[in-house]
Protein backbone atom coordinates (compact mmCIF):
# COMPACT_ATOMS: atom_id res chain seq x y z
CA UNK A 1 -12.08 16.50 11.64
CA UNK A 2 -9.34 19.02 11.14
CA UNK A 3 -8.93 21.42 8.51
CA UNK A 4 -6.05 19.94 6.39
CA UNK A 5 -3.02 22.46 7.28
CA UNK A 6 -3.98 22.56 10.93
CA UNK A 7 -2.39 18.92 11.28
CA UNK A 8 1.14 20.73 11.29
CA UNK A 9 2.09 22.01 14.53
CA UNK A 10 -1.34 20.65 16.23
CA UNK A 11 -0.34 18.66 19.66
CA UNK A 12 -0.98 14.91 19.41
CA UNK A 13 -0.67 12.23 22.10
CA UNK A 14 0.20 9.46 19.54
CA UNK A 15 0.68 8.77 15.50
CA UNK A 16 -1.17 5.82 14.06
CA UNK A 17 0.11 4.54 10.63
CA UNK A 18 -1.11 2.01 8.26
CA UNK A 19 1.59 0.01 6.64
CA UNK A 20 1.05 -1.32 2.97
CA UNK A 21 0.95 1.91 0.86
CA UNK A 22 1.73 4.26 3.85
CA UNK A 23 5.08 3.09 5.47
CA UNK A 24 6.18 0.82 2.59
CA UNK A 25 5.51 0.02 -1.07
CA UNK A 26 4.30 -3.71 -1.41
CA UNK A 27 1.70 -2.93 -4.47
CA UNK A 28 3.56 -4.58 -7.20
CA UNK A 29 3.91 -8.08 -4.67
CA UNK A 30 0.48 -7.46 -3.38
CA UNK A 31 -0.81 -7.27 -7.13
CA UNK A 32 1.03 -10.22 -8.49
CA UNK A 33 -0.02 -12.55 -5.96
CA UNK A 34 -3.75 -11.22 -6.15
CA UNK A 35 -3.64 -10.88 -10.30
CA UNK A 36 -2.81 -15.04 -10.51
CA UNK A 37 -6.26 -15.45 -7.84
CA UNK A 38 -8.44 -13.38 -9.84
CA UNK A 39 -7.67 -14.75 -12.85
CA UNK A 40 -7.90 -18.51 -11.30
CA UNK A 41 -11.21 -17.20 -10.24
CA UNK A 42 -12.51 -15.71 -13.58
CA UNK A 43 -12.77 -12.17 -12.21
CA UNK A 44 -11.79 -9.06 -14.49
CA UNK A 45 -8.52 -8.13 -13.05
CA UNK A 46 -8.47 -4.57 -13.93
CA UNK A 47 -12.03 -4.05 -11.78
CA UNK A 48 -10.82 -6.14 -8.99
CA UNK A 49 -7.24 -4.94 -8.30
CA UNK A 50 -7.75 -1.34 -7.08
CA UNK A 51 -10.40 -2.97 -4.47
CA UNK A 52 -7.81 -5.04 -2.80
CA UNK A 53 -5.74 -2.41 -1.30
CA UNK A 54 -5.95 -1.94 2.39
CA UNK A 55 -8.28 -4.57 2.98
CA UNK A 56 -8.06 -8.21 5.20
CA UNK A 57 -7.43 -10.59 2.56
CA UNK A 58 -10.58 -12.68 4.13
CA UNK A 59 -12.59 -9.77 3.92
CA UNK A 60 -11.42 -9.21 0.03
CA UNK A 61 -12.71 -13.03 -0.55
CA UNK A 62 -15.90 -12.63 1.15
CA UNK A 63 -16.88 -9.39 -1.23
CA UNK A 64 -16.83 -11.56 -4.24
CA UNK A 65 -19.37 -14.07 -3.36
CA UNK A 66 -17.67 -16.92 -5.12
CA UNK A 67 -19.60 -20.12 -5.31
CA UNK A 68 -18.35 -22.68 -3.92
CA UNK A 69 -14.93 -21.91 -1.92
CA UNK A 70 -13.62 -22.05 1.25
CA UNK A 71 -13.27 -18.23 2.22
CA UNK A 72 -10.75 -18.83 5.25
CA UNK A 73 -8.32 -21.27 3.02
CA UNK A 74 -8.29 -18.93 0.00
CA UNK A 75 -7.12 -16.30 2.61
CA UNK A 76 -4.68 -18.45 4.01
CA UNK A 77 -3.40 -19.37 0.62
CA UNK A 78 -3.14 -15.76 -0.30
CA UNK A 79 -1.61 -14.81 3.31
CA UNK A 80 1.36 -17.64 2.53
CA UNK A 81 1.68 -16.49 -0.83
CA UNK A 82 2.35 -13.00 -0.02
CA UNK A 83 4.67 -13.97 2.98
CA UNK A 84 6.83 -15.72 0.37
CA UNK A 85 6.86 -13.06 -2.41
CA UNK A 86 8.78 -9.88 -0.72
CA UNK A 87 10.15 -8.70 -3.96
CA UNK A 88 10.12 -5.24 -4.66
CA UNK A 89 8.80 -4.16 -1.40
CA UNK A 90 10.38 -0.92 -0.51
CA UNK A 91 9.98 1.72 2.79
CA UNK A 92 7.93 5.12 1.36
CA UNK A 93 10.64 7.60 1.44
CA UNK A 94 12.16 8.71 4.48
CA UNK A 95 9.65 6.12 6.37
CA UNK A 96 12.05 4.43 8.51
CA UNK A 97 14.03 7.51 9.81
CA UNK A 98 10.72 9.18 10.80
CA UNK A 99 9.37 6.20 12.76
CA UNK A 100 12.99 5.84 14.49
CA UNK A 101 12.49 9.34 15.73
CA UNK A 102 9.32 9.09 17.18
CA UNK A 103 8.86 7.72 21.14
CA UNK A 104 8.24 3.63 21.10
CA UNK A 105 5.03 4.26 23.35
CA UNK A 106 3.85 6.85 21.21
CA UNK A 107 2.98 5.26 17.54
CA UNK A 108 1.48 2.36 16.09
CA UNK A 109 1.05 0.39 13.21
CA UNK A 110 -2.50 -0.69 12.18
CA UNK A 111 -2.57 -3.08 9.00
CA UNK A 112 -5.10 -5.25 7.24
CA UNK A 113 -2.08 -7.77 6.98
CA UNK A 114 -1.68 -10.93 9.72
CA UNK A 115 0.77 -10.73 11.89
CA UNK A 116 3.21 -13.17 9.92
CA UNK A 117 2.71 -11.32 6.75
CA UNK A 118 3.34 -7.72 8.35
CA UNK A 119 6.45 -8.68 9.91
CA UNK A 120 8.01 -9.84 6.79
CA UNK A 121 7.15 -6.85 4.56
CA UNK A 122 8.15 -4.66 7.50
CA UNK A 123 11.77 -6.46 7.80
CA UNK A 124 12.30 -6.46 4.13
CA UNK A 125 11.05 -2.82 3.86
CA UNK A 126 13.82 -1.99 6.64
CA UNK A 127 10.71 -0.68 8.44
CA UNK A 128 11.35 -0.59 12.35
CA UNK A 129 8.95 -3.26 14.21
CA UNK A 130 6.61 -1.23 16.58
CA UNK A 131 5.96 -1.71 19.97
CA UNK A 132 2.29 -1.79 19.20
CA UNK A 133 1.30 -3.61 16.46
CA UNK A 134 -2.41 -4.23 15.51
CA UNK A 135 -2.85 -6.92 12.95
CA UNK A 136 -5.81 -8.54 10.96
CA UNK A 137 -5.98 -10.90 13.37
CA UNK A 138 -6.65 -8.65 16.01
CA UNK A 139 -10.11 -7.39 15.19
CA UNK A 140 -13.14 -8.90 14.43
CA UNK A 141 -13.81 -6.31 11.72
CA UNK A 142 -11.46 -5.08 9.09
CA UNK A 143 -11.27 -1.55 7.78
CA UNK A 144 -13.09 0.57 7.10
CA UNK A 145 -14.40 -0.43 10.34
CA UNK A 146 -12.21 1.91 12.80
CA UNK A 147 -11.66 -0.94 15.17
CA UNK A 148 -8.18 -1.48 14.30
CA UNK A 149 -7.32 2.15 14.99
CA UNK A 150 -9.23 2.51 18.56
CA UNK A 151 -7.61 -0.68 19.42
CA UNK A 152 -4.32 0.77 18.84
CA UNK A 153 -4.76 3.66 20.68
CA UNK A 154 -6.46 1.93 23.59
CA UNK A 155 -3.05 -0.16 24.02
CA UNK A 156 -1.10 2.97 23.62
CA UNK A 157 -3.03 4.29 26.38
CA UNK A 158 -4.39 7.32 24.94
CA UNK A 159 -7.96 8.08 23.07
CA UNK A 160 -7.81 7.60 19.42
CA UNK A 161 -9.22 11.28 18.81
CA UNK A 162 -5.59 12.64 20.33
CA UNK A 163 -4.11 10.76 17.48
CA UNK A 164 -2.95 11.73 14.10
CA UNK A 165 -3.47 8.81 11.39
CA UNK A 166 -1.41 8.24 8.67
CA UNK A 167 -3.41 6.53 5.71
CA UNK A 168 -3.33 5.99 2.16
CA UNK A 169 -6.03 3.64 0.53
CA UNK A 170 -9.67 4.58 0.85
CA UNK A 171 -10.70 1.73 3.17
CA UNK A 172 -8.24 2.77 5.60
CA UNK A 173 -9.29 6.71 5.07
CA UNK A 174 -13.00 5.44 5.66
CA UNK A 175 -11.73 3.78 8.99
CA UNK A 176 -9.80 6.82 9.93
CA UNK A 177 -12.81 9.20 9.31
CA UNK A 178 -15.02 6.75 11.40
CA UNK A 179 -12.25 6.92 14.20
CA UNK A 180 -13.07 10.52 14.95
CA UNK A 181 -8.80 11.07 14.47
CA UNK A 182 -7.14 13.87 12.47
CA UNK A 183 -6.16 12.50 8.96
CA UNK A 184 -3.05 12.78 7.06
CA UNK A 185 -2.27 10.60 3.56
CA UNK A 186 0.38 9.37 1.89
CA UNK A 187 0.07 10.14 -2.03
CA UNK A 188 3.36 8.48 -3.38
CA UNK A 189 2.77 4.66 -3.68
CA UNK A 190 -0.08 5.00 -6.17
CA UNK A 191 -0.24 5.50 -9.80
CA UNK A 192 -3.69 7.10 -9.53
CA UNK A 193 -4.12 10.77 -8.01
CA UNK A 194 -6.28 10.71 -4.67
CA UNK A 195 -8.92 13.23 -4.43
CA UNK A 196 -9.22 14.25 -1.02
CA UNK A 197 -10.02 17.17 1.14
CA UNK A 198 -7.80 15.61 3.89
CA UNK A 199 -4.01 16.80 4.15
CA UNK A 200 -1.71 14.70 2.25
CA UNK A 201 2.21 13.95 2.04
CA UNK A 202 4.09 12.49 -0.94
CA UNK A 203 6.45 10.96 1.48
CA UNK A 204 8.20 11.43 4.94
CA UNK A 205 11.34 13.49 3.51
CA UNK A 206 9.98 16.66 4.46
CA UNK A 207 8.59 16.45 7.76
CA UNK A 208 9.84 15.84 11.35
CA UNK A 209 8.06 15.15 14.46
CA UNK A 210 9.09 17.40 17.66
CA UNK A 211 7.92 16.16 21.27
CA UNK A 212 7.61 19.24 23.55
CA UNK A 213 7.97 18.81 27.85
CA UNK A 214 4.22 17.66 28.09
CA UNK A 215 5.06 15.03 25.68
CA UNK A 216 3.04 16.04 23.07
CA UNK A 217 3.92 15.42 19.31
CA UNK A 218 3.54 17.81 16.90
CA UNK A 219 4.20 17.27 12.79
CA UNK A 220 6.08 20.04 11.12
CA UNK A 221 6.99 20.44 8.02
CA UNK A 222 11.08 20.99 7.23
């Protein structure tokens, strides 16, 4: 991994973005749905809610080890509820314009959300749909496993270690670290401070991407 400041002006073949909390803010909607679910199953909401971010619904359900439930059915219920409720979902400041400035074949979104939910949330937030989108259905193991990031790089025709990953949540950060790629963390969507040795950005308002004659992209502060 690079030292934090060295991600700026470093050449990358592609940028890989998490979705929730990284290019759009869906925390309020997600926490509405998961709070109701947690209460119904007798979980401690305050302890439970911080664990949902960045993970697939099926993995979140399975981690609770609740007796007598159908985890697949519970995850499907959550996904439908989240698809129906997009109130208050907005872009992370500057994200849509930043993504639109990138060459279509050099960026991807890698999300723990199912495809239908990902498309719904991106539309609600005004985030452009990427040519390469890796969703929950595309991998056998969700974050913190790096499989999603590796698959996105493969689909873009590059090595994952030649990519810069944008993340926000603990399990996504772990997945990015495991992939071997460089990492920058978006900090504006969470109320609690993120303690990290990685490079951080509040949002996308003070950065630009520049593509050189060889087709490599560099993240630069404005």
